C-alpha atoms as a PDB file:
ATOM      1  CA  MET A   1      40.113 -18.188 -13.014  1.00  0.00           C
ATOM      2  CA  LYS A   2      36.663 -18.066 -14.622  1.00  0.00           C
ATOM      3  CA  ARG A   3      35.567 -20.967 -12.423  1.00  0.00           C
ATOM      4  CA  ILE A   4      36.705 -19.121  -9.274  1.00  0.00           C
ATOM      5  CA  THR A   5      34.863 -15.966 -10.403  1.00  0.00           C
ATOM      6  CA  ALA A   6      31.680 -17.961 -11.066  1.00  0.00           C
ATOM      7  CA  ILE A   7      31.843 -19.565  -7.629  1.00  0.00           C
ATOM      8  CA  MET A   8      32.314 -16.146  -6.014  1.00  0.00           C
ATOM      9  CA  VAL A   9      29.246 -14.819  -7.851  1.00  0.00           C
ATOM     10  CA  VAL A  10      27.162 -17.783  -6.651  1.00  0.00           C
ATOM     11  CA  PHE A  11      28.266 -17.214  -3.055  1.00  0.00           C
ATOM     12  CA  LEU A  12      27.599 -13.480  -3.349  1.00  0.00           C
ATOM     13  CA  LEU A  13      24.053 -14.040  -4.669  1.00  0.00           C
ATOM     14  CA  ALA A  14      23.411 -16.569  -1.921  1.00  0.00           C
ATOM     15  CA  ALA A  15      24.674 -14.127   0.688  1.00  0.00           C
ATOM     16  CA  LEU A  16      22.416 -11.384  -0.650  1.00  0.00           C
ATOM     17  CA  GLY A  17      19.457 -13.736  -0.568  1.00  0.00           C
ATOM     18  CA  LEU A  18      20.208 -14.689   3.016  1.00  0.00           C
ATOM     19  CA  ALA A  19      20.547 -11.026   3.908  1.00  0.00           C
ATOM     20  CA  ASP A  20      17.096 -10.298   2.476  1.00  0.00           C
ATOM     21  CA  GLN A  21      15.673 -13.201   4.450  1.00  0.00           C
ATOM     22  CA  ALA A  22      17.371 -11.976   7.618  1.00  0.00           C
ATOM     23  CA  GLN A  23      15.880  -8.497   7.230  1.00  0.00           C
ATOM     24  CA  ALA A  24      12.365  -9.918   7.092  1.00  0.00           C
ATOM     25  CA  GLN A  25      13.046 -12.523   9.786  1.00  0.00           C
ATOM     26  CA  ARG A  26      13.611  -9.810  12.368  1.00  0.00           C
ATOM     27  CA  TYR A  27       9.895  -8.969  12.194  1.00  0.00           C
ATOM     28  CA  ARG A  28       8.690 -12.572  12.484  1.00  0.00           C
ATOM     29  CA  LYS A  29       6.588 -13.219  15.589  1.00  0.00           C
ATOM     30  CA  LYS A  30       7.190  -9.660  16.779  1.00  0.00           C
ATOM     31  CA  GLU A  31       4.313  -7.498  17.985  1.00  0.00           C
ATOM     32  CA  ILE A  32       3.720  -4.612  15.605  1.00  0.00           C
ATOM     33  CA  SER A  33       1.500  -1.577  16.147  1.00  0.00           C
ATOM     34  CA  LEU A  34       0.080   0.723  13.497  1.00  0.00           C
ATOM     35  CA  ILE A  35       0.560   4.392  14.392  1.00  0.00           C
ATOM     36  CA  SER A  36      -0.809   6.072  11.258  1.00  0.00           C
ATOM     37  CA  PHE A  37      -2.589   5.226   7.996  1.00  0.00           C
ATOM     38  CA  LYS A  38      -3.216   8.037   5.527  1.00  0.00           C
ATOM     39  CA  LEU A  39      -4.814   8.037   2.080  1.00  0.00           C
ATOM     40  CA  TYR A  40      -4.064  10.557  -0.669  1.00  0.00           C
ATOM     41  CA  VAL A  41      -6.211  10.700  -3.781  1.00  0.00           C
ATOM     42  CA  ASP A  42      -5.233  12.914  -6.703  1.00  0.00           C
ATOM     43  CA  PRO A  43      -7.737  15.831  -6.838  1.00  0.00           C
ATOM     44  CA  ASP A  44      -8.770  15.104 -10.440  1.00  0.00           C
ATOM     45  CA  TYR A  45      -9.252  11.435  -9.597  1.00  0.00           C
ATOM     46  CA  ARG A  46     -11.206  12.321  -6.491  1.00  0.00           C
ATOM     47  CA  ALA A  47     -13.737  14.193  -8.603  1.00  0.00           C
ATOM     48  CA  LYS A  48     -14.106  11.121 -10.818  1.00  0.00           C
ATOM     49  CA  LEU A  49     -14.526   8.805  -7.816  1.00  0.00           C
ATOM     50  CA  GLU A  50     -17.193  11.031  -6.291  1.00  0.00           C
ATOM     51  CA  SER A  51     -19.445  10.395  -9.284  1.00  0.00           C
ATOM     52  CA  TYR A  52     -19.590   6.753  -8.119  1.00  0.00           C
ATOM     53  CA  SER A  53     -20.176   7.556  -4.443  1.00  0.00           C
ATOM     54  CA  ASN A  54     -23.585   5.833  -4.571  1.00  0.00           C
ATOM     55  CA  LEU A  55     -21.720   2.490  -4.741  1.00  0.00           C
ATOM     56  CA  PHE A  56     -20.135   3.071  -1.331  1.00  0.00           C
ATOM     57  CA  PRO A  57     -22.094   2.347   1.857  1.00  0.00           C
ATOM     58  CA  GLU A  58     -22.419   4.966   4.551  1.00  0.00           C
ATOM     59  CA  PRO A  59     -19.888   4.378   7.376  1.00  0.00           C
ATOM     60  CA  GLN A  60     -21.445   3.210  10.615  1.00  0.00           C
ATOM     61  CA  ALA A  61     -18.923   4.932  12.871  1.00  0.00           C
ATOM     62  CA  SER A  62     -19.405   8.539  11.769  1.00  0.00           C
ATOM     63  CA  SER A  63     -21.380  10.432   9.165  1.00  0.00           C
ATOM     64  CA  LYS A  64     -18.598  13.032   8.965  1.00  0.00           C
ATOM     65  CA  VAL A  65     -16.063  10.777   7.257  1.00  0.00           C
ATOM     66  CA  ASN A  66     -15.706  10.431   3.509  1.00  0.00           C
ATOM     67  CA  LYS A  67     -17.366   7.107   2.695  1.00  0.00           C
ATOM     68  CA  ILE A  68     -15.138   6.487  -0.342  1.00  0.00           C
ATOM     69  CA  ASP A  69     -11.947   7.033   1.640  1.00  0.00           C
ATOM     70  CA  ASN A  70     -13.319   4.990   4.520  1.00  0.00           C
ATOM     71  CA  LEU A  71     -13.892   1.873   2.428  1.00  0.00           C
ATOM     72  CA  ILE A  72     -10.628   2.225   0.491  1.00  0.00           C
ATOM     73  CA  LEU A  73      -8.698   2.569   3.759  1.00  0.00           C
ATOM     74  CA  TYR A  74     -10.252  -0.471   5.431  1.00  0.00           C
ATOM     75  CA  THR A  75     -10.045  -2.604   2.284  1.00  0.00           C
ATOM     76  CA  SER A  76      -6.374  -1.679   1.869  1.00  0.00           C
ATOM     77  CA  TRP A  77      -5.640  -2.305   5.540  1.00  0.00           C
ATOM     78  CA  ASP A  78      -7.189  -5.781   5.333  1.00  0.00           C
ATOM     79  CA  ILE A  79      -5.066  -6.641   2.278  1.00  0.00           C
ATOM     80  CA  ILE A  80      -1.779  -5.207   3.567  1.00  0.00           C
ATOM     81  CA  LYS A  81      -2.238  -6.531   7.106  1.00  0.00           C
ATOM     82  CA  ARG A  82      -2.967 -10.027   5.781  1.00  0.00           C
ATOM     83  CA  ARG A  83       0.220 -10.008   3.713  1.00  0.00           C
ATOM     84  CA  LEU A  84       2.414  -8.604   6.484  1.00  0.00           C
ATOM     85  CA  GLU A  85       1.167 -11.295   8.846  1.00  0.00           C
ATOM     86  CA  GLY A  86       1.086 -14.205   6.409  1.00  0.00           C
ATOM     87  CA  GLU A  87       4.191 -13.496   4.324  1.00  0.00           C
ATOM     88  CA  VAL A  88       6.436 -11.582   6.709  1.00  0.00           C
ATOM     89  CA  GLY A  89       5.239 -13.172   9.948  1.00  0.00           C
ATOM     90  CA  MET A  90       4.418  -9.976  11.819  1.00  0.00           C
ATOM     91  CA  ILE A  91       1.991 -10.105  14.738  1.00  0.00           C
ATOM     92  CA  ILE A  92      -0.026  -6.963  14.091  1.00  0.00           C
ATOM     93  CA  LEU A  93      -2.044  -5.785  17.060  1.00  0.00           C
ATOM     94  CA  PRO A  94      -5.647  -4.575  16.620  1.00  0.00           C
ATOM     95  CA  ILE A  95      -5.750  -0.905  15.677  1.00  0.00           C
ATOM     96  CA  ASP A  96      -7.387  -0.074  19.012  1.00  0.00           C
ATOM     97  CA  ALA A  97      -5.073  -2.286  21.101  1.00  0.00           C
ATOM     98  CA  TYR A  98      -3.741   0.647  23.155  1.00  0.00           C
ATOM     99  CA  GLY A  99      -7.134   2.193  23.786  1.00  0.00           C
ATOM    100  CA  ASP A 100      -7.036   5.770  25.002  1.00  0.00           C
ATOM    101  CA  LYS A 101      -3.257   5.699  25.268  1.00  0.00           C
ATOM    102  CA  PHE A 102      -3.191   6.377  21.508  1.00  0.00           C
ATOM    103  CA  SER A 103      -5.057   9.066  19.580  1.00  0.00           C
ATOM    104  CA  TYR A 104      -7.113   8.150  16.507  1.00  0.00           C
ATOM    105  CA  ASP A 105      -8.270   9.836  13.303  1.00  0.00           C
ATOM    106  CA  MET A 106     -11.889  10.137  12.185  1.00  0.00           C
ATOM    107  CA  TYR A 107     -11.683   6.746  10.448  1.00  0.00           C
ATOM    108  CA  GLY A 108     -10.663   4.945  13.623  1.00  0.00           C
ATOM    109  CA  PHE A 109      -7.015   4.408  12.703  1.00  0.00           C
ATOM    110  CA  PRO A 110      -4.245   5.332  15.157  1.00  0.00           C
ATOM    111  CA  ASP A 111      -2.877   8.804  14.519  1.00  0.00           C
ATOM    112  CA  ILE A 112       0.065   9.261  16.845  1.00  0.00           C
ATOM    113  CA  SER A 113       3.676  10.332  16.424  1.00  0.00           C
ATOM    114  CA  ILE A 114       6.439   7.788  16.846  1.00  0.00           C
ATOM    115  CA  ASN A 115       7.704   9.783  19.864  1.00  0.00           C
ATOM    116  CA  LYS A 116       4.400   9.382  21.690  1.00  0.00           C
ATOM    117  CA  ALA A 117       3.985   5.780  20.532  1.00  0.00           C
ATOM    118  CA  LEU A 118       7.345   4.896  22.064  1.00  0.00           C
ATOM    119  CA  SER A 119       6.405   6.474  25.368  1.00  0.00           C
ATOM    120  CA  LYS A 120       2.923   4.965  25.566  1.00  0.00           C
ATOM    121  CA  GLY A 121       3.228   1.656  23.725  1.00  0.00           C
ATOM    122  CA  ARG A 122       4.969  -1.629  24.445  1.00  0.00           C
ATOM    123  CA  SER A 123       5.358  -3.034  20.934  1.00  0.00           C
ATOM    124  CA  LYS A 124       8.605  -4.241  19.409  1.00  0.00           C
ATOM    125  CA  TYR A 125       7.979  -2.345  16.157  1.00  0.00           C
ATOM    126  CA  TYR A 126       5.680   0.436  14.963  1.00  0.00           C
ATOM    127  CA  ILE A 127       4.497   0.999  11.403  1.00  0.00           C
ATOM    128  CA  LYS A 128       3.163   3.971   9.468  1.00  0.00           C
ATOM    129  CA  LEU A 129       1.270   3.472   6.201  1.00  0.00           C
ATOM    130  CA  ASP A 130       0.631   5.919   3.362  1.00  0.00           C
ATOM    131  CA  LEU A 131      -1.502   4.962   0.374  1.00  0.00           C
ATOM    132  CA  GLU A 132      -1.736   7.015  -2.811  1.00  0.00           C
ATOM    133  CA  LEU A 133      -4.165   6.743  -5.731  1.00  0.00           C
ATOM    134  CA  VAL A 134      -2.698   8.892  -8.480  1.00  0.00           C
ATOM    135  CA  PRO A 135      -2.392   9.033 -12.288  1.00  0.00           C
ATOM    136  CA  GLU A 136       0.584   7.246 -13.823  1.00  0.00           C
ATOM    137  CA  HIS A 137       1.689  10.531 -15.362  1.00  0.00           C
ATOM    138  CA  SER A 138      -1.194  12.998 -15.482  1.00  0.00           C
ATOM    139  CA  ALA A 139      -4.962  12.886 -15.042  1.00  0.00           C
ATOM    140  CA  LYS A 140      -5.371  14.225 -18.577  1.00  0.00           C
ATOM    141  CA  TYR A 141      -2.435  12.729 -20.487  1.00  0.00           C
ATOM    142  CA  THR A 142      -0.469   9.496 -20.623  1.00  0.00           C
ATOM    143  CA  THR A 143       2.015   7.751 -22.894  1.00  0.00           C
ATOM    144  CA  GLN A 144       1.198   4.863 -25.181  1.00  0.00           C
ATOM    145  CA  ASN A 145       3.119   2.607 -27.558  1.00  0.00           C
ATOM    146  CA  HIS A 146       2.347   3.057 -31.242  1.00  0.00           C
ATOM    147  CA  VAL A 147       2.947   0.832 -34.242  1.00  0.00           C
ATOM    148  CA  ASP A 148       6.355   2.393 -34.853  1.00  0.00           C
ATOM    149  CA  SER A 149       7.345   1.331 -31.300  1.00  0.00           C
ATOM    150  CA  ALA A 150       7.720   4.961 -30.253  1.00  0.00           C
ATOM    151  CA  ARG A 151       5.960   6.080 -27.096  1.00  0.00           C
ATOM    152  CA  LYS A 152       3.706   9.040 -27.710  1.00  0.00           C
ATOM    153  CA  ILE A 153       1.726  11.325 -25.460  1.00  0.00           C
ATOM    154  CA  VAL A 154      -2.017  10.810 -25.804  1.00  0.00           C
ATOM    155  CA  GLN A 155      -4.855  12.830 -24.300  1.00  0.00           C
ATOM    156  CA  LEU A 156      -7.267  10.905 -22.107  1.00  0.00           C
ATOM    157  CA  LYS A 157     -11.005  11.205 -22.518  1.00  0.00           C
ATOM    158  CA  GLU A 158     -13.047  12.499 -19.604  1.00  0.00           C
ATOM    159  CA  ASP A 159     -13.983   8.974 -18.475  1.00  0.00           C
ATOM    160  CA  GLU A 160     -10.546   7.430 -19.085  1.00  0.00           C
ATOM    161  CA  ILE A 161      -7.884   6.886 -16.415  1.00  0.00           C
ATOM    162  CA  LYS A 162      -4.448   5.321 -16.111  1.00  0.00           C
ATOM    163  CA  PRO A 163      -4.206   4.924 -12.327  1.00  0.00           C
ATOM    164  CA  LYS A 164      -1.343   3.977 -10.067  1.00  0.00           C
ATOM    165  CA  VAL A 165      -1.497   2.844  -6.446  1.00  0.00           C
ATOM    166  CA  VAL A 166       1.537   3.516  -4.252  1.00  0.00           C
ATOM    167  CA  ALA A 167       1.818   1.914  -0.803  1.00  0.00           C
ATOM    168  CA  LYS A 168       4.521   3.274   1.517  1.00  0.00           C
ATOM    169  CA  LEU A 169       5.446   1.547   4.765  1.00  0.00           C
ATOM    170  CA  THR A 170       7.700   3.136   7.377  1.00  0.00           C
ATOM    171  CA  ILE A 171       8.943   0.789  10.098  1.00  0.00           C
ATOM    172  CA  TYR A 172      10.281   1.937  13.464  1.00  0.00           C
ATOM    173  CA  SER A 173      11.759  -0.187  16.233  1.00  0.00           C
ATOM    174  CA  ASP A 174      11.226   0.369  19.948  1.00  0.00           C
ATOM    175  CA  LYS A 175      14.776   1.762  20.101  1.00  0.00           C
ATOM    176  CA  GLY A 176      14.168   5.194  18.594  1.00  0.00           C
ATOM    177  CA  VAL A 177      12.498   7.577  16.184  1.00  0.00           C
ATOM    178  CA  ILE A 178      14.714   6.870  13.155  1.00  0.00           C
ATOM    179  CA  PRO A 179      13.017   4.397  10.780  1.00  0.00           C
ATOM    180  CA  VAL A 180      14.669   1.002  10.443  1.00  0.00           C
ATOM    181  CA  ALA A 181      13.080   0.537   6.999  1.00  0.00           C
ATOM    182  CA  ASN A 182      11.283   2.550   4.340  1.00  0.00           C
ATOM    183  CA  CYS A 183       9.400   0.234   2.005  1.00  0.00           C
ATOM    184  CA  VAL A 184       7.438   1.014  -1.170  1.00  0.00           C
ATOM    185  CA  GLY A 185       5.126  -0.992  -3.411  1.00  0.00           C
ATOM    186  CA  GLU A 186       3.604   0.307  -6.648  1.00  0.00           C
ATOM    187  CA  ALA A 187       1.113  -0.991  -9.190  1.00  0.00           C
ATOM    188  CA  THR A 188      -0.214   0.592 -12.388  1.00  0.00           C
ATOM    189  CA  THR A 189      -2.892  -0.586 -14.798  1.00  0.00           C
ATOM    190  CA  LYS A 190      -1.465  -2.144 -17.940  1.00  0.00           C
ATOM    191  CA  SER A 191      -3.676  -0.075 -20.194  1.00  0.00           C
ATOM    192  CA  ILE A 192      -5.892   2.974 -20.235  1.00  0.00           C
ATOM    193  CA  ILE A 193      -9.240   2.026 -18.736  1.00  0.00           C
ATOM    194  CA  THR A 194     -12.674   3.527 -19.078  1.00  0.00           C
ATOM    195  CA  LEU A 195     -13.910   4.282 -15.600  1.00  0.00           C
ATOM    196  CA  SER A 196     -17.085   2.424 -14.672  1.00  0.00           C
ATOM    197  CA  SER A 197     -18.680   0.828 -11.623  1.00  0.00           C
ATOM    198  CA  SER A 198     -16.751  -2.399 -12.320  1.00  0.00           C
ATOM    199  CA  PHE A 199     -13.503  -0.585 -11.418  1.00  0.00           C
ATOM    200  CA  PHE A 200     -14.654  -0.747  -7.788  1.00  0.00           C
ATOM    201  CA  ASP A 201     -15.404  -4.486  -7.767  1.00  0.00           C
ATOM    202  CA  GLY A 202     -13.786  -6.122  -4.748  1.00  0.00           C
ATOM    203  CA  VAL A 203     -13.946  -2.877  -2.782  1.00  0.00           C
ATOM    204  CA  VAL A 204     -17.690  -2.148  -2.793  1.00  0.00           C
ATOM    205  CA  ASN A 205     -18.662  -5.806  -3.186  1.00  0.00           C
ATOM    206  CA  SER A 206     -17.175  -9.302  -3.032  1.00  0.00           C
ATOM    207  CA  SER A 207     -16.811  -9.681  -6.797  1.00  0.00           C
ATOM    208  CA  ILE A 208     -13.051 -10.203  -7.162  1.00  0.00           C
ATOM    209  CA  ASN A 209     -11.686 -11.012 -10.616  1.00  0.00           C
ATOM    210  CA  PRO A 210      -7.877 -11.376 -10.454  1.00  0.00           C
ATOM    211  CA  SER A 211      -7.500 -10.682 -14.183  1.00  0.00           C
ATOM    212  CA  ALA A 212      -9.520  -7.460 -14.183  1.00  0.00           C
ATOM    213  CA  GLU A 213      -7.981  -4.000 -13.895  1.00  0.00           C
ATOM    214  CA  THR A 214      -9.758  -2.885 -10.753  1.00  0.00           C
ATOM    215  CA  LEU A 215      -8.910  -0.724  -7.771  1.00  0.00           C
ATOM    216  CA  TYR A 216      -8.906  -3.821  -5.552  1.00  0.00           C
ATOM    217  CA  ASN A 217      -6.366  -5.584  -7.761  1.00  0.00           C
ATOM    218  CA  LEU A 218      -4.164  -2.485  -7.935  1.00  0.00           C
ATOM    219  CA  ILE A 219      -4.081  -2.339  -4.134  1.00  0.00           C
ATOM    220  CA  ASP A 220      -3.365  -6.064  -3.972  1.00  0.00           C
ATOM    221  CA  LYS A 221      -0.516  -5.843  -6.510  1.00  0.00           C
ATOM    222  CA  ALA A 222       0.973  -2.811  -4.744  1.00  0.00           C
ATOM    223  CA  SER A 223       0.879  -4.788  -1.490  1.00  0.00           C
ATOM    224  CA  GLN A 224       2.731  -7.664  -3.186  1.00  0.00           C
ATOM    225  CA  GLN A 225       5.471  -5.269  -4.220  1.00  0.00           C
ATOM    226  CA  LEU A 226       5.465  -3.796  -0.726  1.00  0.00           C
ATOM    227  CA  ILE A 227       6.249  -7.215   0.756  1.00  0.00           C
ATOM    228  CA  ILE A 228       9.160  -7.603  -1.671  1.00  0.00           C
ATOM    229  CA  SER A 229      10.412  -4.196  -0.520  1.00  0.00           C
ATOM    230  CA  VAL A 230      10.182  -5.316   3.120  1.00  0.00           C
ATOM    231  CA  TYR A 231      12.412  -8.285   2.292  1.00  0.00           C
ATOM    232  CA  GLU A 232      14.827  -6.036   0.447  1.00  0.00           C
ATOM    233  CA  ASN A 233      14.619  -3.494   3.284  1.00  0.00           C
ATOM    234  CA  LYS A 234      14.426  -0.542   0.935  1.00  0.00           C
END
């Protein structure tokens, strides 16, 4: 009896694995169009980021856009797009592929409803991205393990942060306005970090250190989790 139960468990796990693979396979070699990409930064964190605005180059497209948001958006898009294409197999069209058929935000990303995208586009799938840079718990407080193994609330110093990046991906098919998948990837720094210019390495320059707790690595780790969520079709 135990042997039969064990065999059933093995088959069940295998079936679940195949199901996950099948969910991702449906996007392979399919043309995908981005219809929206929005960034939300916690207001307290935004004030902290602004003190390092001198690290960020002025955007060439428009002087009206926020240069911090602009670089975070394009860096994140490069990372997420690369993973969706390389690990999921999507064929993601250039963001301006539909020209004046789509409307665009001030950063140059498509900004169109799924209803209008379906009427004006010819893609198999459409995706909407939302990226959040927020505190793990609060901009002023976090929890930390102490020697007695109990987690206690500690107050953060003015230059300390415990950030979390959340990447949300909504996938629509060309069949309708109801999403076929809602996927989420999250990443949080392991420890409280003192904010400095090095936190922006990889975003404002090409200095990427995989072991460092940087904004670039948080985005990259959140994108890894996002790919897992695509496979799980959460």
